[in-house]
Protein backbone atom coordinates (compact mmCIF):
# COMPACT_ATOMS: atom_id res chain seq x y z
CA MET A 1 -14.58 -26.65 80.49
CA ALA A 2 -11.41 -28.68 80.86
CA TYR A 3 -10.69 -28.96 77.18
CA GLY A 4 -11.30 -27.36 73.74
CA VAL A 5 -11.19 -28.38 70.06
CA THR A 6 -9.69 -26.69 66.99
CA LEU A 7 -11.52 -27.87 63.83
CA SER A 8 -10.39 -27.58 60.16
CA ALA A 9 -11.61 -29.02 56.84
CA GLU A 10 -10.37 -29.50 53.27
CA MET A 11 -11.78 -30.88 50.02
CA ASP A 12 -10.66 -34.27 48.71
CA GLY A 13 -12.43 -34.65 45.37
CA THR A 14 -16.13 -34.55 46.27
CA ASP A 15 -15.52 -35.41 49.94
CA ARG A 16 -14.82 -33.05 52.82
CA VAL A 17 -12.16 -34.29 55.26
CA LEU A 18 -12.44 -32.92 58.80
CA THR A 19 -9.52 -32.86 61.25
CA TRP A 20 -9.39 -31.48 64.79
CA THR A 21 -7.03 -31.11 67.68
CA PHE A 22 -7.94 -31.31 71.38
CA VAL A 23 -6.61 -29.01 74.02
CA GLY A 24 -6.92 -30.75 77.40
CA ALA A 25 -8.40 -34.20 78.18
CA PRO A 26 -10.72 -35.39 75.39
CA ALA A 27 -14.13 -36.91 76.08
CA VAL A 28 -16.93 -38.44 73.99
CA HIS A 29 -17.75 -35.92 71.23
CA TYR A 30 -19.96 -35.53 68.17
CA VAL A 31 -19.61 -34.17 64.59
CA TYR A 32 -22.44 -31.95 63.31
CA ARG A 33 -23.17 -30.76 59.76
CA GLN A 34 -25.26 -27.91 58.33
CA PHE A 35 -26.48 -27.16 54.74
CA ASN A 36 -26.52 -23.52 53.54
CA GLY A 37 -27.12 -22.08 57.01
CA GLY A 38 -29.94 -24.48 57.85
CA THR A 39 -30.48 -26.94 60.75
CA TRP A 40 -27.50 -28.69 62.34
CA SER A 41 -27.57 -32.51 62.12
CA LEU A 42 -25.47 -35.16 63.88
CA ILE A 43 -23.46 -37.13 61.33
CA HIS A 44 -20.80 -38.93 63.44
CA THR A 45 -20.15 -39.96 67.07
CA VAL A 46 -16.63 -40.46 68.47
CA SER A 47 -17.21 -42.75 71.44
CA ASP A 48 -13.50 -43.39 71.99
CA PRO A 49 -11.91 -40.06 72.65
CA LEU A 50 -8.49 -41.52 71.79
CA SER A 51 -9.55 -42.62 68.27
CA PRO A 52 -8.04 -40.81 65.24
CA GLU A 53 -9.05 -37.16 65.30
CA SER A 54 -10.41 -36.95 61.74
CA TYR A 55 -13.52 -37.81 59.75
CA PRO A 56 -14.25 -37.96 55.97
CA ASP A 57 -17.73 -36.66 55.11
CA THR A 58 -18.61 -38.80 52.08
CA GLY A 59 -21.76 -39.61 50.16
CA VAL A 60 -23.03 -36.04 49.89
CA TYR A 61 -22.19 -34.56 46.47
CA TRP A 62 -24.45 -31.52 46.31
CA THR A 63 -23.08 -28.62 44.30
CA ASN A 64 -23.50 -24.93 44.97
CA THR A 65 -23.88 -25.71 48.69
CA VAL A 66 -22.13 -24.30 51.75
CA PHE A 67 -21.37 -27.09 54.27
CA GLY A 68 -20.93 -26.10 57.92
CA TYR A 69 -19.20 -28.31 60.55
CA GLN A 70 -18.88 -28.24 64.37
CA ILE A 71 -17.55 -30.52 67.13
CA ARG A 72 -19.78 -30.83 70.20
CA ASP A 73 -19.91 -32.79 73.46
CA ALA A 74 -22.73 -33.34 75.93
CA THR A 75 -22.52 -29.75 77.11
CA GLY A 76 -22.75 -28.14 73.66
CA VAL A 77 -20.37 -26.61 71.06
CA ILE A 78 -16.72 -27.01 71.97
CA SER A 79 -15.06 -26.12 68.56
CA ASN A 80 -15.00 -23.40 65.98
CA THR A 81 -17.36 -23.52 62.95
CA VAL A 82 -15.83 -24.47 59.58
CA LEU A 83 -17.56 -23.66 56.25
CA VAL A 84 -16.75 -25.59 53.04
CA GLY A 85 -18.43 -25.12 49.64
CA ARG A 86 -18.78 -27.01 46.36
CA TYR A 87 -19.69 -24.92 43.31
CA SER A 88 -20.61 -25.54 39.69
CA ASP A 89 -19.39 -22.54 37.68
CA THR A 90 -20.89 -21.25 34.47
CA LEU A 91 -18.23 -19.59 32.32
CA THR A 92 -19.13 -17.12 29.59
CA GLU A 93 -16.70 -15.21 27.39
CA THR A 94 -17.02 -12.07 25.36
CA VAL A 95 -14.42 -11.74 22.59
CA ASN A 96 -13.94 -8.51 20.66
CA THR A 97 -12.06 -8.76 17.40
CA LEU A 98 -11.58 -6.87 14.14
CA ASP A 99 -13.48 -7.58 10.96
CA SER A 100 -11.32 -8.09 7.87
CA VAL A 101 -12.11 -7.10 4.28
CA THR A 102 -10.69 -9.00 1.32
CA THR A 103 -10.17 -7.13 -1.95
CA SER A 104 -8.98 -8.82 -5.13
CA ALA A 105 -6.91 -7.33 -7.94
CA THR A 106 -6.59 -8.36 -11.55
CA ALA A 107 -3.65 -6.20 -12.61
CA SER A 108 -0.66 -8.44 -11.99
CA PRO A 109 2.08 -7.90 -10.92
CA TYR A 110 0.89 -4.69 -9.33
CA SER A 111 -0.05 -6.16 -5.90
CA TYR A 112 1.51 -6.57 -2.45
CA THR A 113 0.71 -8.12 0.93
CA ASP A 114 0.25 -6.33 4.28
CA THR A 115 0.45 -8.16 7.63
CA VAL A 116 -1.64 -6.60 10.40
CA THR A 117 -1.50 -7.52 14.13
CA VAL A 118 -4.88 -7.36 15.91
CA THR A 119 -5.22 -7.47 19.73
CA CYS A 120 -8.27 -9.32 21.10
CA GLN A 121 -9.56 -9.10 24.70
CA ASP A 122 -11.37 -12.08 26.29
CA ILE A 123 -13.64 -11.28 29.28
CA ALA A 124 -14.67 -14.34 31.32
CA THR A 125 -17.52 -14.09 33.89
CA THR A 126 -17.92 -16.77 36.57
CA ALA A 127 -21.37 -17.07 38.20
CA VAL A 128 -22.18 -19.14 41.34
CA ASP A 129 -25.94 -19.86 41.13
CA ASP A 130 -27.85 -17.35 43.26
CA GLU A 131 -24.72 -16.10 44.98
CA VAL A 132 -23.21 -12.75 44.05
CA PRO A 133 -21.28 -13.30 40.76
CA THR A 134 -17.57 -12.67 40.72
CA ASP A 135 -16.08 -11.22 37.50
CA TYR A 136 -12.70 -12.36 36.29
CA VAL A 137 -11.00 -10.40 33.49
CA ASP A 138 -8.49 -12.31 31.37
CA GLU A 139 -6.51 -10.25 28.88
CA VAL A 140 -5.42 -12.46 26.01
CA THR A 141 -3.22 -11.12 23.23
CA GLU A 142 -3.73 -12.87 19.91
CA THR A 143 -1.86 -12.32 16.67
CA VAL A 144 -4.11 -12.35 13.60
CA THR A 145 -2.46 -12.32 10.18
CA CYS A 146 -4.50 -10.41 7.59
CA THR A 147 -3.59 -10.51 3.92
CA ASP A 148 -4.56 -7.38 2.02
CA THR A 149 -4.65 -7.30 -1.75
CA VAL A 150 -4.25 -3.85 -3.24
CA VAL A 151 -6.00 -2.90 -6.45
CA THR A 152 -3.80 -0.77 -8.69
CA SER A 153 -5.21 1.33 -11.49
CA ILE A 154 -3.12 1.38 -14.65
CA VAL A 155 -3.43 4.12 -17.24
CA THR A 156 -2.47 2.66 -20.57
CA PRO A 157 -0.74 4.74 -23.26
CA GLN A 158 -3.03 6.42 -25.76
CA ASN A 159 -3.34 4.53 -29.01
CA TYR A 160 -2.58 7.16 -31.62
CA SER A 161 -0.65 7.35 -34.88
CA TYR A 162 0.81 9.95 -37.22
CA TYR A 163 -0.48 10.34 -40.76
CA LEU A 164 0.99 11.99 -43.87
CA GLY A 165 -0.90 13.70 -46.64
CA SER A 166 0.16 13.39 -50.29
CA SER A 167 0.05 16.11 -52.97
CA ASN A 168 -2.90 14.35 -54.63
CA GLY A 169 -4.99 14.38 -51.43
CA MET A 170 -4.28 10.87 -50.15
CA VAL A 171 -3.63 10.13 -46.42
CA TYR A 172 -1.01 7.58 -45.38
CA ALA A 173 -0.02 6.16 -41.99
CA TYR A 174 3.44 7.20 -40.85
CA ASN A 175 5.98 4.47 -40.06
CA ARG A 176 9.38 5.49 -38.72
CA ASP A 177 10.92 2.32 -40.16
CA GLU A 178 9.96 3.30 -43.72
CA HIS A 179 11.98 5.88 -45.70
CA GLY A 180 10.34 5.73 -49.10
CA ASP A 181 7.13 4.87 -50.91
CA ASN A 182 7.46 1.16 -51.67
CA GLY A 183 11.16 1.69 -52.49
CA VAL A 184 10.59 4.95 -54.39
CA ALA A 185 12.30 8.06 -52.98
CA ILE A 186 10.09 10.69 -51.32
CA ASN A 187 11.06 14.30 -51.96
CA SER A 188 10.74 15.68 -48.43
CA TYR A 189 11.21 19.42 -47.99
CA TRP A 190 10.35 22.46 -45.90
CA LYS A 191 9.93 25.93 -47.42
CA SER A 192 9.72 29.26 -45.59
CA LYS A 193 7.42 32.20 -46.25
CA ARG A 194 8.81 35.29 -47.97
CA LEU A 195 11.09 37.10 -45.47
CA ASP A 196 12.80 40.50 -45.25
CA PHE A 197 13.89 40.05 -41.60
CA SER A 198 11.91 43.13 -40.53
CA ASP A 199 10.22 41.14 -37.74
CA THR A 200 13.54 41.15 -35.83
CA HIS A 201 15.17 44.16 -37.56
CA PRO A 202 12.39 46.65 -38.40
CA GLN A 203 14.94 49.33 -39.41
CA LEU A 204 15.95 47.14 -42.38
CA MET A 205 12.47 46.93 -43.90
CA SER A 206 13.33 48.94 -47.05
CA THR A 207 16.96 47.90 -47.52
CA TRP A 208 18.84 45.36 -49.56
CA LYS A 209 20.44 42.40 -47.76
CA THR A 210 23.15 40.02 -48.79
CA ILE A 211 22.92 36.40 -47.57
CA SER A 212 26.40 35.15 -46.55
CA HIS A 213 25.47 31.65 -45.30
CA VAL A 214 22.60 29.59 -43.84
CA GLN A 215 23.19 27.39 -40.78
CA VAL A 216 21.24 24.13 -40.43
CA THR A 217 20.77 22.71 -36.89
CA TYR A 218 19.95 18.99 -36.93
CA VAL A 219 19.98 15.72 -34.96
CA ASP A 220 22.68 13.41 -36.28
CA LYS A 221 20.69 10.24 -37.06
CA GLY A 222 23.10 9.09 -39.76
CA GLU A 223 24.53 10.12 -43.10
CA ALA A 224 22.02 12.05 -45.22
CA THR A 225 22.11 14.26 -48.32
CA VAL A 226 20.60 17.74 -47.83
CA THR A 227 19.79 20.34 -50.50
CA LEU A 228 19.55 23.93 -49.24
CA SER A 229 18.09 26.57 -51.62
CA VAL A 230 17.66 30.35 -51.49
CA SER A 231 15.35 32.46 -53.71
CA SER A 232 15.17 36.26 -53.96
CA ASP A 233 12.31 36.43 -56.52
CA GLY A 234 9.50 34.68 -54.60
CA GLY A 235 10.49 31.12 -55.55
CA VAL A 236 10.67 31.61 -59.35
CA SER A 237 14.35 30.73 -59.36
CA TRP A 238 16.54 29.10 -56.72
CA LYS A 239 20.21 29.00 -55.88
CA SER A 240 20.93 25.58 -54.36
CA MET A 241 23.78 23.82 -52.58
CA VAL A 242 23.98 20.08 -51.80
CA LYS A 243 25.90 18.54 -48.88
CA THR A 244 26.11 15.02 -47.40
CA PHE A 245 26.87 14.82 -43.67
CA GLY A 246 26.13 12.88 -40.46
CA SER A 247 27.59 9.80 -38.78
CA GLY A 248 24.78 8.60 -36.46
CA THR A 249 26.02 10.07 -33.15
CA GLY A 250 22.50 11.02 -32.08
CA LYS A 251 23.74 14.46 -30.98
CA VAL A 252 22.61 17.92 -32.04
CA ALA A 253 25.00 19.49 -34.57
CA ASP A 254 25.24 22.39 -37.07
CA LYS A 255 26.19 22.56 -40.75
CA SER A 256 26.67 25.83 -42.73
CA PHE A 257 25.79 26.40 -46.42
CA TYR A 258 27.61 29.43 -47.87
CA PHE A 259 25.95 31.77 -50.39
CA TRP A 260 26.51 35.28 -51.64
CA LYS A 261 23.12 36.42 -52.77
CA THR A 262 21.64 39.93 -52.58
CA GLY A 263 17.97 40.88 -52.52
CA ARG A 264 15.24 42.54 -50.50
CA PHE A 265 13.01 39.49 -49.87
CA PHE A 266 14.07 35.85 -49.56
CA ASN A 267 12.61 32.34 -49.43
CA PHE A 268 14.51 29.37 -47.99
CA LYS A 269 13.99 25.66 -48.69
CA ILE A 270 15.64 22.53 -47.27
CA ALA A 271 15.04 19.15 -48.92
CA ASN A 272 15.97 15.46 -48.88
CA ASN A 273 15.09 13.12 -51.75
CA SER A 274 15.87 9.57 -50.60
CA SER A 275 14.32 6.14 -50.01
CA SER A 276 16.80 5.02 -47.33
CA GLU A 277 18.04 8.00 -45.27
CA ASP A 278 16.85 9.04 -41.80
CA PHE A 279 17.08 12.75 -40.85
CA GLN A 280 15.75 15.32 -38.38
CA TRP A 281 16.06 19.09 -38.90
CA ILE A 282 15.57 21.47 -35.98
CA ARG A 283 16.30 25.01 -37.18
CA LEU A 284 17.52 27.20 -40.08
CA THR A 285 19.44 30.40 -39.27
CA ALA A 286 20.13 32.91 -42.06
CA HIS A 287 23.18 35.15 -41.70
CA PHE A 288 23.14 38.36 -43.78
CA MET A 289 24.70 41.80 -44.14
CA PRO A 290 22.57 44.99 -44.48
CA GLN A 291 23.10 46.93 -47.72
CA ALA A 292 21.86 50.25 -49.19
CA GLU A 293 18.26 51.43 -49.07
CA GLN A 294 16.09 50.07 -51.87
CA PHE A 295 14.72 52.54 -54.45
CA ALA A 296 12.97 52.39 -57.79
CA THR A 297 15.17 52.74 -60.88
CA ALA A 298 12.46 53.05 -63.53
């Protein structure tokens, strides 16, 4: 063989363009075509060996077909075999994503918004008819904005009130803005049980005591008149002292009432009789001096 041929092919739209190069002196030659490994068929004759060394294979638009090409002369195949295919691809995608749940709330303004980023993966599969499918994996990152509404439970304050009982058995609702009964002064007081201080000083159970003074601890809500009384005969008679004090500082303070009263048992009473004053007492502290042991004289 005095010559040879190098054949190549490329797609131009739906056409296949063949080009070749001779090595040695060219002669009359022929272009053959094959479909999907079948029979070879003559499709073009180059009678002038010096004509352009190319040929466009047009008019055949089959898809999913492997086209084979050869250059031959009278003696047989003188070129390499070139395979060119046209394919119609079927593309399917599988997308995995995250379900979202929407919750509503009715307790405004107790709500807020969360933004969540969700990553989705797309998987694309390309199939070529009866040929072996080729899988292509495309990883696509998508940003999904989710708005969450948070339900907040609110515990409301208990609806309760204070009530006051009267000496005649009536019950009245308490109102901190009221200081009297329809403009009439209320005689408010607290009275102790009968005391001999033996609960804290058991050694003084059968002795006389002399009260020197009584200390009142209070919250200074404003000027108020206070009557402090002491009884040594079970409340039959009282020794009383009246003082007006307070300036509205809101602080805890003390005020002393001085007595000089001797006895074995004592009752204490603190009172306010007003239709306009605001007061709060915290504690009464009795200061006394132990005396001689008590004994019967008759």
